[in-house]
Amino acid sequence: MQNPWETWKKGFGAWESATAAYLEKVMDNPAVLGPAGLLLTAFMRSKAAGDRALATWWGSLGLPTKRDQERTLHKLNQLETRLCDLEERLEALGERP
């Protein structure tokens, strides 16, 4: 008697191979790629518009937007790097005889 797990894995492998071959043919079809590209473009445009609207709304409440937070985080990282450099220089000066 065969292990049920092995039987399931073989069945899944066969299904996955057949599905992958079919989807490869479908995704090579220009009749699918054109509309899919248009749908993706429309989705990304609507997402960008939603992101802008959300940022405007957050800003109108006086809260920092994602861009503001990223800019602040970048500045904090720059300050931390400079502070570490200064600490290293002070340690090097302290080690001199």
PDB file of N, CA and C in Angstrom:
ATOM      1  N   MET A   1       0.840  -1.189   0.000  1.00  0.00           N
ATOM      2  CA  MET A   1       0.000   0.000   0.000  1.00  0.00           C
ATOM      3  C   MET A   1       0.881   1.248   0.000  1.00  0.00           C
ATOM      4  N   GLN A   2       0.506   2.185  -0.847  1.00  0.00           N
ATOM      5  CA  GLN A   2       1.319   3.396  -0.990  1.00  0.00           C
ATOM      6  C   GLN A   2       0.926   4.436   0.052  1.00  0.00           C
ATOM      7  N   ASN A   3       1.913   5.201   0.466  1.00  0.00           N
ATOM      8  CA  ASN A   3       1.720   6.273   1.439  1.00  0.00           C
ATOM      9  C   ASN A   3       0.764   7.324   0.853  1.00  0.00           C
ATOM     10  N   PRO A   4      -0.296   7.718   1.581  1.00  0.00           N
ATOM     11  CA  PRO A   4      -1.235   8.731   1.058  1.00  0.00           C
ATOM     12  C   PRO A   4      -0.545  10.058   0.734  1.00  0.00           C
ATOM     13  N   TRP A   5       0.448  10.416   1.506  1.00  0.00           N
ATOM     14  CA  TRP A   5       1.167  11.671   1.250  1.00  0.00           C
ATOM     15  C   TRP A   5       1.889  11.611  -0.087  1.00  0.00           C
ATOM     16  N   GLU A   6       2.533  10.485  -0.376  1.00  0.00           N
ATOM     17  CA  GLU A   6       3.235  10.320  -1.651  1.00  0.00           C
ATOM     18  C   GLU A   6       2.248  10.354  -2.818  1.00  0.00           C
ATOM     19  N   THR A   7       1.103   9.721  -2.631  1.00  0.00           N
ATOM     20  CA  THR A   7       0.071   9.736  -3.677  1.00  0.00           C
ATOM     21  C   THR A   7      -0.402  11.163  -3.941  1.00  0.00           C
ATOM     22  N   TRP A   8      -0.636  11.916  -2.871  1.00  0.00           N
ATOM     23  CA  TRP A   8      -1.078  13.299  -3.020  1.00  0.00           C
ATOM     24  C   TRP A   8      -0.010  14.127  -3.718  1.00  0.00           C
ATOM     25  N   LYS A   9       1.265  13.951  -3.327  1.00  0.00           N
ATOM     26  CA  LYS A   9       2.351  14.717  -3.948  1.00  0.00           C
ATOM     27  C   LYS A   9       2.465  14.409  -5.439  1.00  0.00           C
ATOM     28  N   LYS A  10       2.310  13.140  -5.818  1.00  0.00           N
ATOM     29  CA  LYS A  10       2.364  12.783  -7.241  1.00  0.00           C
ATOM     30  C   LYS A  10       1.211  13.431  -8.002  1.00  0.00           C
ATOM     31  N   GLY A  11       0.019  13.375  -7.406  1.00  0.00           N
ATOM     32  CA  GLY A  11      -1.142  14.004  -8.046  1.00  0.00           C
ATOM     33  C   GLY A  11      -0.973  15.505  -8.191  1.00  0.00           C
ATOM     34  N   PHE A  12      -0.460  16.122  -7.140  1.00  0.00           N
ATOM     35  CA  PHE A  12      -0.238  17.560  -7.189  1.00  0.00           C
ATOM     36  C   PHE A  12       0.815  17.900  -8.243  1.00  0.00           C
ATOM     37  N   GLY A  13       1.878  17.112  -8.305  1.00  0.00           N
ATOM     38  CA  GLY A  13       2.925  17.346  -9.304  1.00  0.00           C
ATOM     39  C   GLY A  13       2.379  17.261 -10.719  1.00  0.00           C
ATOM     40  N   ALA A  14       1.530  16.258 -10.977  1.00  0.00           N
ATOM     41  CA  ALA A  14       0.915  16.118 -12.306  1.00  0.00           C
ATOM     42  C   ALA A  14       0.010  17.307 -12.609  1.00  0.00           C
ATOM     43  N   TRP A  15      -0.798  17.710 -11.628  1.00  0.00           N
ATOM     44  CA  TRP A  15      -1.686  18.856 -11.822  1.00  0.00           C
ATOM     45  C   TRP A  15      -0.886  20.129 -12.076  1.00  0.00           C
ATOM     46  N   GLU A  16       0.167  20.326 -11.299  1.00  0.00           N
ATOM     47  CA  GLU A  16       0.985  21.536 -11.435  1.00  0.00           C
ATOM     48  C   GLU A  16       1.666  21.589 -12.794  1.00  0.00           C
ATOM     49  N   SER A  17       2.157  20.461 -13.276  1.00  0.00           N
ATOM     50  CA  SER A  17       2.812  20.425 -14.593  1.00  0.00           C
ATOM     51  C   SER A  17       1.824  20.766 -15.702  1.00  0.00           C
ATOM     52  N   ALA A  18       0.635  20.166 -15.642  1.00  0.00           N
ATOM     53  CA  ALA A  18      -0.376  20.434 -16.675  1.00  0.00           C
ATOM     54  C   ALA A  18      -0.830  21.885 -16.620  1.00  0.00           C
ATOM     55  N   THR A  19      -1.042  22.400 -15.426  1.00  0.00           N
ATOM     56  CA  THR A  19      -1.492  23.785 -15.269  1.00  0.00           C
ATOM     57  C   THR A  19      -0.423  24.763 -15.743  1.00  0.00           C
ATOM     58  N   ALA A  20       0.827  24.501 -15.402  1.00  0.00           N
ATOM     59  CA  ALA A  20       1.911  25.389 -15.820  1.00  0.00           C
ATOM     60  C   ALA A  20       2.033  25.424 -17.337  1.00  0.00           C
ATOM     61  N   ALA A  21       1.923  24.279 -17.985  1.00  0.00           N
ATOM     62  CA  ALA A  21       2.012  24.237 -19.452  1.00  0.00           C
ATOM     63  C   ALA A  21       0.853  25.018 -20.075  1.00  0.00           C
ATOM     64  N   TYR A  22      -0.346  24.846 -19.549  1.00  0.00           N
ATOM     65  CA  TYR A  22      -1.504  25.563 -20.068  1.00  0.00           C
ATOM     66  C   TYR A  22      -1.360  27.070 -19.869  1.00  0.00           C
ATOM     67  N   LEU A  23      -0.986  27.481 -18.653  1.00  0.00           N
ATOM     68  CA  LEU A  23      -0.864  28.914 -18.378  1.00  0.00           C
ATOM     69  C   LEU A  23       0.259  29.554 -19.191  1.00  0.00           C
ATOM     70  N   GLU A  24       1.297  28.791 -19.476  1.00  0.00           N
ATOM     71  CA  GLU A  24       2.378  29.322 -20.306  1.00  0.00           C
ATOM     72  C   GLU A  24       1.864  29.646 -21.703  1.00  0.00           C
ATOM     73  N   LYS A  25       1.036  28.762 -22.258  1.00  0.00           N
ATOM     74  CA  LYS A  25       0.436  29.021 -23.570  1.00  0.00           C
ATOM     75  C   LYS A  25      -0.519  30.216 -23.523  1.00  0.00           C
ATOM     76  N   VAL A  26      -1.324  30.288 -22.468  1.00  0.00           N
ATOM     77  CA  VAL A  26      -2.294  31.379 -22.337  1.00  0.00           C
ATOM     78  C   VAL A  26      -1.571  32.717 -22.207  1.00  0.00           C
ATOM     79  N   MET A  27      -0.514  32.752 -21.396  1.00  0.00           N
ATOM     80  CA  MET A  27       0.185  34.019 -21.160  1.00  0.00           C
ATOM     81  C   MET A  27       1.011  34.467 -22.364  1.00  0.00           C
ATOM     82  N   ASP A  28       1.269  33.593 -23.317  1.00  0.00           N
ATOM     83  CA  ASP A  28       1.956  33.984 -24.547  1.00  0.00           C
ATOM     84  C   ASP A  28       0.990  34.561 -25.578  1.00  0.00           C
ATOM     85  N   ASN A  29      -0.290  34.443 -25.341  1.00  0.00           N
ATOM     86  CA  ASN A  29      -1.308  34.880 -26.281  1.00  0.00           C
ATOM     87  C   ASN A  29      -1.487  36.401 -26.184  1.00  0.00           C
ATOM     88  N   PRO A  30      -1.283  37.135 -27.309  1.00  0.00           N
ATOM     89  CA  PRO A  30      -1.458  38.591 -27.286  1.00  0.00           C
ATOM     90  C   PRO A  30      -2.882  39.017 -26.927  1.00  0.00           C
ATOM     91  N   ALA A  31      -3.856  38.167 -27.186  1.00  0.00           N
ATOM     92  CA  ALA A  31      -5.239  38.500 -26.845  1.00  0.00           C
ATOM     93  C   ALA A  31      -5.435  38.540 -25.329  1.00  0.00           C
ATOM     94  N   VAL A  32      -4.564  37.891 -24.588  1.00  0.00           N
ATOM     95  CA  VAL A  32      -4.631  37.916 -23.127  1.00  0.00           C
ATOM     96  C   VAL A  32      -3.715  39.009 -22.589  1.00  0.00           C
ATOM     97  N   LEU A  33      -2.529  39.121 -23.158  1.00  0.00           N
ATOM     98  CA  LEU A  33      -1.538  40.071 -22.644  1.00  0.00           C
ATOM     99  C   LEU A  33      -1.973  41.525 -22.789  1.00  0.00           C
ATOM    100  N   GLY A  34      -2.582  41.873 -23.919  1.00  0.00           N
ATOM    101  CA  GLY A  34      -3.005  43.263 -24.142  1.00  0.00           C
ATOM    102  C   GLY A  34      -3.992  43.749 -23.085  1.00  0.00           C
ATOM    103  N   PRO A  35      -5.123  43.051 -22.950  1.00  0.00           N
ATOM    104  CA  PRO A  35      -6.093  43.473 -21.929  1.00  0.00           C
ATOM    105  C   PRO A  35      -5.536  43.384 -20.498  1.00  0.00           C
ATOM    106  N   ALA A  36      -4.705  42.376 -20.237  1.00  0.00           N
ATOM    107  CA  ALA A  36      -4.124  42.261 -18.898  1.00  0.00           C
ATOM    108  C   ALA A  36      -3.225  43.462 -18.609  1.00  0.00           C
ATOM    109  N   GLY A  37      -2.465  43.886 -19.604  1.00  0.00           N
ATOM    110  CA  GLY A  37      -1.613  45.065 -19.436  1.00  0.00           C
ATOM    111  C   GLY A  37      -2.434  46.328 -19.206  1.00  0.00           C
ATOM    112  N   LEU A  38      -3.522  46.465 -19.960  1.00  0.00           N
ATOM    113  CA  LEU A  38      -4.406  47.626 -19.782  1.00  0.00           C
ATOM    114  C   LEU A  38      -5.050  47.620 -18.399  1.00  0.00           C
ATOM    115  N   LEU A  39      -5.448  46.439 -17.944  1.00  0.00           N
ATOM    116  CA  LEU A  39      -6.049  46.325 -16.616  1.00  0.00           C
ATOM    117  C   LEU A  39      -5.041  46.685 -15.531  1.00  0.00           C
ATOM    118  N   LEU A  40      -3.817  46.202 -15.687  1.00  0.00           N
ATOM    119  CA  LEU A  40      -2.781  46.515 -14.712  1.00  0.00           C
ATOM    120  C   LEU A  40      -2.471  48.013 -14.699  1.00  0.00           C
ATOM    121  N   THR A  41      -2.398  48.622 -15.877  1.00  0.00           N
ATOM    122  CA  THR A  41      -2.150  50.065 -15.972  1.00  0.00           C
ATOM    123  C   THR A  41      -3.268  50.848 -15.282  1.00  0.00           C
ATOM    124  N   ALA A  42      -4.506  50.454 -15.548  1.00  0.00           N
ATOM    125  CA  ALA A  42      -5.646  51.144 -14.923  1.00  0.00           C
ATOM    126  C   ALA A  42      -5.613  50.980 -13.410  1.00  0.00           C
ATOM    127  N   PHE A  43      -5.293  49.788 -12.954  1.00  0.00           N
ATOM    128  CA  PHE A  43      -5.213  49.545 -11.519  1.00  0.00           C
ATOM    129  C   PHE A  43      -4.133  50.407 -10.876  1.00  0.00           C
ATOM    130  N   MET A  44      -2.965  50.483 -11.492  1.00  0.00           N
ATOM    131  CA  MET A  44      -1.867  51.260 -10.925  1.00  0.00           C
ATOM    132  C   MET A  44      -2.188  52.749 -10.914  1.00  0.00           C
ATOM    133  N   ARG A  45      -2.876  53.225 -11.944  1.00  0.00           N
ATOM    134  CA  ARG A  45      -3.279  54.639 -11.965  1.00  0.00           C
ATOM    135  C   ARG A  45      -4.281  54.938 -10.858  1.00  0.00           C
ATOM    136  N   SER A  46      -5.244  54.024 -10.672  1.00  0.00           N
ATOM    137  CA  SER A  46      -6.231  54.262  -9.618  1.00  0.00           C
ATOM    138  C   SER A  46      -5.582  54.159  -8.240  1.00  0.00           C
ATOM    139  N   LYS A  47      -4.607  53.275  -8.082  1.00  0.00           N
ATOM    140  CA  LYS A  47      -3.899  53.168  -6.811  1.00  0.00           C
ATOM    141  C   LYS A  47      -3.116  54.444  -6.536  1.00  0.00           C
ATOM    142  N   ALA A  48      -2.445  54.976  -7.551  1.00  0.00           N
ATOM    143  CA  ALA A  48      -1.687  56.218  -7.379  1.00  0.00           C
ATOM    144  C   ALA A  48      -2.620  57.366  -7.009  1.00  0.00           C
ATOM    145  N   ALA A  49      -3.777  57.430  -7.659  1.00  0.00           N
ATOM    146  CA  ALA A  49      -4.744  58.483  -7.328  1.00  0.00           C
ATOM    147  C   ALA A  49      -5.256  58.312  -5.898  1.00  0.00           C
ATOM    148  N   GLY A  50      -5.506  57.083  -5.492  1.00  0.00           N
ATOM    149  CA  GLY A  50      -5.945  56.829  -4.122  1.00  0.00           C
ATOM    150  C   GLY A  50      -4.874  57.198  -3.112  1.00  0.00           C
ATOM    151  N   ASP A  51      -3.618  56.877  -3.427  1.00  0.00           N
ATOM    152  CA  ASP A  51      -2.512  57.233  -2.532  1.00  0.00           C
ATOM    153  C   ASP A  51      -2.385  58.739  -2.377  1.00  0.00           C
ATOM    154  N   ARG A  52      -2.537  59.458  -3.499  1.00  0.00           N
ATOM    155  CA  ARG A  52      -2.460  60.930  -3.438  1.00  0.00           C
ATOM    156  C   ARG A  52      -3.605  61.491  -2.604  1.00  0.00           C
ATOM    157  N   ALA A  53      -4.802  60.949  -2.800  1.00  0.00           N
ATOM    158  CA  ALA A  53      -5.957  61.426  -2.031  1.00  0.00           C
ATOM    159  C   ALA A  53      -5.775  61.143  -0.544  1.00  0.00           C
ATOM    160  N   LEU A  54      -5.268  59.973  -0.221  1.00  0.00           N
ATOM    161  CA  LEU A  54      -5.036  59.624   1.174  1.00  0.00           C
ATOM    162  C   LEU A  54      -3.975  60.520   1.799  1.00  0.00           C
ATOM    163  N   ALA A  55      -2.901  60.795   1.052  1.00  0.00           N
ATOM    164  CA  ALA A  55      -1.853  61.690   1.561  1.00  0.00           C
ATOM    165  C   ALA A  55      -2.405  63.090   1.795  1.00  0.00           C
ATOM    166  N   THR A  56      -3.241  63.556   0.883  1.00  0.00           N
ATOM    167  CA  THR A  56      -3.860  64.875   1.047  1.00  0.00           C
ATOM    168  C   THR A  56      -4.756  64.896   2.280  1.00  0.00           C
ATOM    169  N   TRP A  57      -5.516  63.835   2.476  1.00  0.00           N
ATOM    170  CA  TRP A  57      -6.403  63.752   3.631  1.00  0.00           C
ATOM    171  C   TRP A  57      -5.604  63.749   4.929  1.00  0.00           C
ATOM    172  N   TRP A  58      -4.540  62.923   4.992  1.00  0.00           N
ATOM    173  CA  TRP A  58      -3.696  62.899   6.197  1.00  0.00           C
ATOM    174  C   TRP A  58      -3.104  64.286   6.449  1.00  0.00           C
ATOM    175  N   GLY A  59      -2.617  64.906   5.372  1.00  0.00           N
ATOM    176  CA  GLY A  59      -2.032  66.240   5.499  1.00  0.00           C
ATOM    177  C   GLY A  59      -3.034  67.265   5.988  1.00  0.00           C
ATOM    178  N   SER A  60      -4.281  67.148   5.542  1.00  0.00           N
ATOM    179  CA  SER A  60      -5.306  68.106   5.971  1.00  0.00           C
ATOM    180  C   SER A  60      -5.615  67.953   7.459  1.00  0.00           C
ATOM    181  N   LEU A  61      -5.363  66.791   8.009  1.00  0.00           N
ATOM    182  CA  LEU A  61      -5.548  66.575   9.448  1.00  0.00           C
ATOM    183  C   LEU A  61      -4.328  67.016  10.254  1.00  0.00           C
ATOM    184  N   GLY A  62      -3.296  67.432   9.549  1.00  0.00           N
ATOM    185  CA  GLY A  62      -2.075  67.860  10.217  1.00  0.00           C
ATOM    186  C   GLY A  62      -1.166  66.709  10.598  1.00  0.00           C
ATOM    187  N   LEU A  63      -1.423  65.528  10.021  1.00  0.00           N
ATOM    188  CA  LEU A  63      -0.599  64.359  10.315  1.00  0.00           C
ATOM    189  C   LEU A  63       0.441  64.166   9.212  1.00  0.00           C
ATOM    190  N   PRO A  64       1.577  63.581   9.552  1.00  0.00           N
ATOM    191  CA  PRO A  64       2.600  63.379   8.523  1.00  0.00           C
ATOM    192  C   PRO A  64       2.175  62.286   7.532  1.00  0.00           C
ATOM    193  N   THR A  65       2.458  62.543   6.270  1.00  0.00           N
ATOM    194  CA  THR A  65       2.158  61.559   5.237  1.00  0.00           C
ATOM    195  C   THR A  65       3.270  60.520   5.202  1.00  0.00           C
ATOM    196  N   LYS A  66       3.066  59.515   4.398  1.00  0.00           N
ATOM    197  CA  LYS A  66       4.093  58.469   4.252  1.00  0.00           C
ATOM    198  C   LYS A  66       5.392  59.085   3.749  1.00  0.00           C
ATOM    199  N   ARG A  67       5.282  59.986   2.802  1.00  0.00           N
ATOM    200  CA  ARG A  67       6.478  60.647   2.264  1.00  0.00           C
ATOM    201  C   ARG A  67       7.182  61.467   3.345  1.00  0.00           C
ATOM    202  N   ASP A  68       6.418  62.167   4.162  1.00  0.00           N
ATOM    203  CA  ASP A  68       7.008  62.932   5.267  1.00  0.00           C
ATOM    204  C   ASP A  68       7.751  62.007   6.227  1.00  0.00           C
ATOM    205  N   GLN A  69       7.134  60.873   6.541  1.00  0.00           N
ATOM    206  CA  GLN A  69       7.756  59.925   7.456  1.00  0.00           C
ATOM    207  C   GLN A  69       9.036  59.336   6.855  1.00  0.00           C
ATOM    208  N   GLU A  70       8.993  59.026   5.565  1.00  0.00           N
ATOM    209  CA  GLU A  70      10.186  58.483   4.910  1.00  0.00           C
ATOM    210  C   GLU A  70      11.316  59.513   4.898  1.00  0.00           C
ATOM    211  N   ARG A  71      10.962  60.769   4.637  1.00  0.00           N
ATOM    212  CA  ARG A  71      11.966  61.838   4.628  1.00  0.00           C
ATOM    213  C   ARG A  71      12.583  62.001   6.021  1.00  0.00           C
ATOM    214  N   THR A  72      11.747  61.951   7.054  1.00  0.00           N
ATOM    215  CA  THR A  72      12.243  62.063   8.425  1.00  0.00           C
ATOM    216  C   THR A  72      13.134  60.877   8.782  1.00  0.00           C
ATOM    217  N   LEU A  73      12.726  59.689   8.401  1.00  0.00           N
ATOM    218  CA  LEU A  73      13.535  58.506   8.670  1.00  0.00           C
ATOM    219  C   LEU A  73      14.888  58.588   7.975  1.00  0.00           C
ATOM    220  N   HIS A  74      14.900  59.094   6.749  1.00  0.00           N
ATOM    221  CA  HIS A  74      16.161  59.254   6.020  1.00  0.00           C
ATOM    222  C   HIS A  74      17.093  60.222   6.757  1.00  0.00           C
ATOM    223  N   LYS A  75      16.532  61.331   7.213  1.00  0.00           N
ATOM    224  CA  LYS A  75      17.336  62.307   7.962  1.00  0.00           C
ATOM    225  C   LYS A  75      17.864  61.697   9.260  1.00  0.00           C
ATOM    226  N   LEU A  76      17.030  60.919   9.951  1.00  0.00           N
ATOM    227  CA  LEU A  76      17.480  60.260  11.177  1.00  0.00           C
ATOM    228  C   LEU A  76      18.618  59.284  10.899  1.00  0.00           C
ATOM    229  N   ASN A  77      18.514  58.555   9.803  1.00  0.00           N
ATOM    230  CA  ASN A  77      19.586  57.634   9.428  1.00  0.00           C
ATOM    231  C   ASN A  77      20.875  58.381   9.122  1.00  0.00           C
ATOM    232  N   GLN A  78      20.759  59.523   8.449  1.00  0.00           N
ATOM    233  CA  GLN A  78      21.947  60.334   8.169  1.00  0.00           C
ATOM    234  C   GLN A  78      22.582  60.829   9.467  1.00  0.00           C
ATOM    235  N   LEU A  79      21.746  61.298  10.388  1.00  0.00           N
ATOM    236  CA  LEU A  79      22.263  61.770  11.677  1.00  0.00           C
ATOM    237  C   LEU A  79      22.927  60.641  12.458  1.00  0.00           C
ATOM    238  N   GLU A  80      22.330  59.474  12.455  1.00  0.00           N
ATOM    239  CA  GLU A  80      22.902  58.337  13.168  1.00  0.00           C
ATOM    240  C   GLU A  80      24.255  57.952  12.575  1.00  0.00           C
ATOM    241  N   THR A  81      24.359  57.980  11.268  1.00  0.00           N
ATOM    242  CA  THR A  81      25.626  57.662  10.609  1.00  0.00           C
ATOM    243  C   THR A  81      26.698  58.671  10.988  1.00  0.00           C
ATOM    244  N   ARG A  82      26.337  59.943  10.963  1.00  0.00           N
ATOM    245  CA  ARG A  82      27.308  60.982  11.331  1.00  0.00           C
ATOM    246  C   ARG A  82      27.713  60.858  12.797  1.00  0.00           C
ATOM    247  N   LEU A  83      26.766  60.541  13.659  1.00  0.00           N
ATOM    248  CA  LEU A  83      27.064  60.371  15.078  1.00  0.00           C
ATOM    249  C   LEU A  83      28.017  59.192  15.292  1.00  0.00           C
ATOM    250  N   CYS A  84      27.768  58.096  14.603  1.00  0.00           N
ATOM    251  CA  CYS A  84      28.668  56.937  14.711  1.00  0.00           C
ATOM    252  C   CYS A  84      30.069  57.297  14.226  1.00  0.00           C
ATOM    253  N   ASP A  85      30.153  58.050  13.132  1.00  0.00           N
ATOM    254  CA  ASP A  85      31.460  58.481  12.623  1.00  0.00           C
ATOM    255  C   ASP A  85      32.185  59.349  13.648  1.00  0.00           C
ATOM    256  N   LEU A  86      31.457  60.279  14.262  1.00  0.00           N
ATOM    257  CA  LEU A  86      32.060  61.146  15.272  1.00  0.00           C
ATOM    258  C   LEU A  86      32.516  60.343  16.492  1.00  0.00           C
ATOM    259  N   GLU A  87      31.719  59.362  16.911  1.00  0.00           N
ATOM    260  CA  GLU A  87      32.112  58.523  18.039  1.00  0.00           C
ATOM    261  C   GLU A  87      33.391  57.750  17.728  1.00  0.00           C
ATOM    262  N   GLU A  88      33.480  57.230  16.512  1.00  0.00           N
ATOM    263  CA  GLU A  88      34.685  56.504  16.110  1.00  0.00           C
ATOM    264  C   GLU A  88      35.902  57.428  16.098  1.00  0.00           C
ATOM    265  N   ARG A  89      35.715  58.642  15.619  1.00  0.00           N
ATOM    266  CA  ARG A  89      36.833  59.602  15.593  1.00  0.00           C
ATOM    267  C   ARG A  89      37.268  59.972  17.010  1.00  0.00           C
ATOM    268  N   LEU A  90      36.292  60.152  17.918  1.00  0.00           N
ATOM    269  CA  LEU A  90      36.639  60.453  19.308  1.00  0.00           C
ATOM    270  C   LEU A  90      37.376  59.294  19.962  1.00  0.00           C
ATOM    271  N   GLU A  91      36.939  58.083  19.697  1.00  0.00           N
ATOM    272  CA  GLU A  91      37.639  56.916  20.242  1.00  0.00           C
ATOM    273  C   GLU A  91      39.053  56.834  19.719  1.00  0.00           C
ATOM    274  N   ALA A  92      39.219  57.129  18.425  1.00  0.00           N
ATOM    275  CA  ALA A  92      40.562  57.094  17.828  1.00  0.00           C
ATOM    276  C   ALA A  92      41.444  58.181  18.451  1.00  0.00           C
ATOM    277  N   LEU A  93      40.885  59.341  18.718  1.00  0.00           N
ATOM    278  CA  LEU A  93      41.670  60.419  19.359  1.00  0.00           C
ATOM    279  C   LEU A  93      42.028  60.039  20.797  1.00  0.00           C
ATOM    280  N   GLY A  94      41.143  59.375  21.497  1.00  0.00           N
ATOM    281  CA  GLY A  94      41.384  58.970  22.875  1.00  0.00           C
ATOM    282  C   GLY A  94      42.406  57.876  22.985  1.00  0.00           C
ATOM    283  N   GLU A  95      42.588  57.087  21.950  1.00  0.00           N
ATOM    284  CA  GLU A  95      43.550  55.981  21.973  1.00  0.00           C
ATOM    285  C   GLU A  95      44.968  56.450  21.656  1.00  0.00           C
ATOM    286  N   ARG A  96      45.111  57.664  21.166  1.00  0.00           N
ATOM    287  CA  ARG A  96      46.464  58.157  20.847  1.00  0.00           C
ATOM    288  C   ARG A  96      47.250  58.397  22.119  1.00  0.00           C
ATOM    289  N   PRO A  97      48.538  58.083  22.086  1.00  0.00           N
ATOM    290  CA  PRO A  97      49.373  58.308  23.291  1.00  0.00           C
ATOM    291  C   PRO A  97      49.658  59.768  23.536  1.00  0.00           C
TER     292      PRO A  97
END
